[in-house]
Amino acid sequence: MALTKEKIIDAIYNQVGLSKNQSRRVLESLLEIIKQNLEKGQNLLISGFGKFLVKDKAARRANSGL
């Protein structure tokens, strides 16, 4: 199941009771914190949820279909 940002915002709105705008700000803040840590090359562990990390992958050859 894929969750969109809007679905997560709706869930925060329904479960926590924040306004839609507040729910959006909470989610955007969380995602920004995750992004900033990953950009610094730091792994991020959220206990009870999961671990976020950046993996280096070898470049792949593009196939333009031409």
N, C-alpha and C. Protein backbone atom coordinates (compact mmCIF):
# COMPACT_ATOMS: atom_id res chain seq x y z
N MET A 1 0.84 -1.18 0.00
CA MET A 1 0.00 0.00 0.00
C MET A 1 0.89 1.24 0.00
N ALA A 2 0.63 2.13 -0.90
CA ALA A 2 1.38 3.38 -0.98
C ALA A 2 0.61 4.48 -0.25
N LEU A 3 1.33 5.24 0.54
CA LEU A 3 0.73 6.38 1.23
C LEU A 3 1.24 7.66 0.59
N THR A 4 0.33 8.52 0.24
CA THR A 4 0.72 9.83 -0.27
C THR A 4 0.84 10.78 0.92
N LYS A 5 1.50 11.90 0.68
CA LYS A 5 1.59 12.90 1.73
C LYS A 5 0.20 13.35 2.16
N GLU A 6 -0.70 13.48 1.22
CA GLU A 6 -2.06 13.92 1.55
C GLU A 6 -2.78 12.92 2.44
N LYS A 7 -2.57 11.62 2.19
CA LYS A 7 -3.19 10.60 3.04
C LYS A 7 -2.63 10.65 4.45
N ILE A 8 -1.33 10.88 4.56
CA ILE A 8 -0.72 10.98 5.89
C ILE A 8 -1.24 12.22 6.61
N ILE A 9 -1.35 13.32 5.90
CA ILE A 9 -1.89 14.55 6.48
C ILE A 9 -3.32 14.32 6.97
N ASP A 10 -4.13 13.65 6.17
CA ASP A 10 -5.50 13.33 6.57
C ASP A 10 -5.52 12.46 7.82
N ALA A 11 -4.61 11.49 7.90
CA ALA A 11 -4.56 10.61 9.06
C ALA A 11 -4.18 11.39 10.32
N ILE A 12 -3.21 12.29 10.21
CA ILE A 12 -2.84 13.13 11.35
C ILE A 12 -4.03 13.98 11.76
N TYR A 13 -4.68 14.57 10.79
CA TYR A 13 -5.86 15.41 11.04
C TYR A 13 -6.95 14.62 11.78
N ASN A 14 -7.24 13.42 11.32
CA ASN A 14 -8.31 12.61 11.91
C ASN A 14 -7.94 12.02 13.26
N GLN A 15 -6.70 11.61 13.44
CA GLN A 15 -6.31 10.90 14.65
C GLN A 15 -5.84 11.81 15.77
N VAL A 16 -5.21 12.93 15.41
CA VAL A 16 -4.63 13.80 16.43
C VAL A 16 -5.53 15.00 16.72
N GLY A 17 -6.28 15.41 15.72
CA GLY A 17 -7.17 16.54 15.93
C GLY A 17 -6.57 17.89 15.59
N LEU A 18 -5.42 17.88 14.95
CA LEU A 18 -4.84 19.14 14.48
C LEU A 18 -5.59 19.58 13.23
N SER A 19 -5.48 20.86 12.90
CA SER A 19 -6.07 21.34 11.65
C SER A 19 -5.30 20.75 10.48
N LYS A 20 -5.88 20.83 9.30
CA LYS A 20 -5.18 20.32 8.10
C LYS A 20 -3.85 21.06 7.92
N ASN A 21 -3.86 22.37 8.13
CA ASN A 21 -2.65 23.16 7.96
C ASN A 21 -1.59 22.75 8.99
N GLN A 22 -1.99 22.56 10.23
CA GLN A 22 -1.05 22.13 11.26
C GLN A 22 -0.52 20.72 10.96
N SER A 23 -1.40 19.85 10.50
CA SER A 23 -1.00 18.48 10.15
C SER A 23 0.02 18.50 9.03
N ARG A 24 -0.20 19.35 8.03
CA ARG A 24 0.74 19.48 6.91
C ARG A 24 2.10 19.98 7.42
N ARG A 25 2.09 20.96 8.31
CA ARG A 25 3.34 21.51 8.84
C ARG A 25 4.11 20.47 9.65
N VAL A 26 3.40 19.65 10.43
CA VAL A 26 4.05 18.59 11.20
C VAL A 26 4.74 17.61 10.26
N LEU A 27 4.02 17.15 9.24
CA LEU A 27 4.59 16.19 8.29
C LEU A 27 5.77 16.80 7.53
N GLU A 28 5.62 18.02 7.04
CA GLU A 28 6.70 18.67 6.30
C GLU A 28 7.93 18.84 7.19
N SER A 29 7.73 19.17 8.46
CA SER A 29 8.86 19.32 9.39
C SER A 29 9.57 18.00 9.59
N LEU A 30 8.82 16.93 9.79
CA LEU A 30 9.42 15.61 9.96
C LEU A 30 10.22 15.21 8.73
N LEU A 31 9.64 15.39 7.56
CA LEU A 31 10.34 15.02 6.32
C LEU A 31 11.59 15.86 6.12
N GLU A 32 11.54 17.13 6.51
CA GLU A 32 12.70 18.01 6.38
C GLU A 32 13.82 17.55 7.32
N ILE A 33 13.47 17.16 8.54
CA ILE A 33 14.48 16.65 9.49
C ILE A 33 15.14 15.40 8.92
N ILE A 34 14.35 14.49 8.39
CA ILE A 34 14.90 13.27 7.79
C ILE A 34 15.82 13.63 6.63
N LYS A 35 15.36 14.52 5.76
CA LYS A 35 16.15 14.92 4.59
C LYS A 35 17.47 15.57 4.99
N GLN A 36 17.44 16.47 5.96
CA GLN A 36 18.66 17.16 6.38
C GLN A 36 19.70 16.18 6.92
N ASN A 37 19.26 15.21 7.71
CA ASN A 37 20.19 14.22 8.26
C ASN A 37 20.78 13.35 7.16
N LEU A 38 19.96 12.94 6.21
CA LEU A 38 20.45 12.10 5.12
C LEU A 38 21.40 12.87 4.21
N GLU A 39 21.13 14.16 3.99
CA GLU A 39 22.02 14.98 3.16
C GLU A 39 23.40 15.14 3.80
N LYS A 40 23.45 15.09 5.13
CA LYS A 40 24.72 15.18 5.84
C LYS A 40 25.46 13.85 5.84
N GLY A 41 24.84 12.83 5.26
CA GLY A 41 25.44 11.51 5.23
C GLY A 41 25.21 10.72 6.50
N GLN A 42 24.31 11.20 7.35
CA GLN A 42 24.03 10.52 8.60
C GLN A 42 22.87 9.54 8.43
N ASN A 43 23.03 8.36 9.01
CA ASN A 43 21.91 7.43 9.07
C ASN A 43 20.94 7.95 10.13
N LEU A 44 19.68 7.63 9.97
CA LEU A 44 18.67 8.10 10.92
C LEU A 44 17.85 6.91 11.37
N LEU A 45 17.84 6.67 12.68
CA LEU A 45 17.05 5.59 13.26
C LEU A 45 15.93 6.19 14.08
N ILE A 46 14.71 5.88 13.72
CA ILE A 46 13.55 6.29 14.50
C ILE A 46 13.08 5.03 15.22
N SER A 47 13.36 4.95 16.52
CA SER A 47 13.06 3.74 17.29
C SER A 47 11.59 3.37 17.15
N GLY A 48 11.35 2.10 16.91
CA GLY A 48 10.00 1.60 16.77
C GLY A 48 9.38 1.86 15.41
N PHE A 49 10.15 2.50 14.52
CA PHE A 49 9.61 2.81 13.19
C PHE A 49 10.49 2.26 12.09
N GLY A 50 11.73 2.75 12.03
CA GLY A 50 12.60 2.28 10.96
C GLY A 50 13.90 3.05 10.89
N LYS A 51 14.75 2.60 9.97
CA LYS A 51 16.05 3.21 9.77
C LYS A 51 16.12 3.76 8.35
N PHE A 52 16.60 4.98 8.24
CA PHE A 52 16.76 5.64 6.95
C PHE A 52 18.25 5.80 6.69
N LEU A 53 18.67 5.47 5.47
CA LEU A 53 20.06 5.66 5.10
C LEU A 53 20.17 5.83 3.60
N VAL A 54 21.27 6.44 3.20
CA VAL A 54 21.54 6.63 1.78
C VAL A 54 22.52 5.56 1.35
N LYS A 55 22.19 4.86 0.29
CA LYS A 55 23.08 3.83 -0.24
C LYS A 55 23.65 4.32 -1.56
N ASP A 56 24.97 4.18 -1.69
CA ASP A 56 25.61 4.50 -2.96
C ASP A 56 25.36 3.35 -3.92
N LYS A 57 24.95 3.69 -5.13
CA LYS A 57 24.72 2.67 -6.15
C LYS A 57 25.56 3.02 -7.36
N ALA A 58 26.03 2.01 -8.03
CA ALA A 58 26.80 2.23 -9.25
C ALA A 58 25.90 2.84 -10.31
N ALA A 59 26.49 3.68 -11.15
CA ALA A 59 25.74 4.28 -12.25
C ALA A 59 25.25 3.20 -13.19
N ARG A 60 24.09 3.43 -13.76
CA ARG A 60 23.53 2.46 -14.71
C ARG A 60 23.49 3.09 -16.09
N ARG A 61 23.55 2.27 -17.08
CA ARG A 61 23.49 2.73 -18.46
C ARG A 61 22.04 3.03 -18.82
N ALA A 62 21.81 4.18 -19.38
CA ALA A 62 20.45 4.58 -19.78
C ALA A 62 20.10 3.95 -21.11
N ASN A 63 18.83 3.63 -21.27
CA ASN A 63 18.33 3.09 -22.52
C ASN A 63 17.22 4.02 -23.00
N SER A 64 17.52 4.81 -24.01
CA SER A 64 16.54 5.79 -24.47
C SER A 64 15.49 5.19 -25.39
N GLY A 65 15.65 3.95 -25.76
CA GLY A 65 14.67 3.30 -26.62
C GLY A 65 14.80 3.67 -28.09
N LEU A 66 15.85 4.36 -28.46
CA LEU A 66 16.05 4.76 -29.86
C LEU A 66 16.77 3.72 -30.65
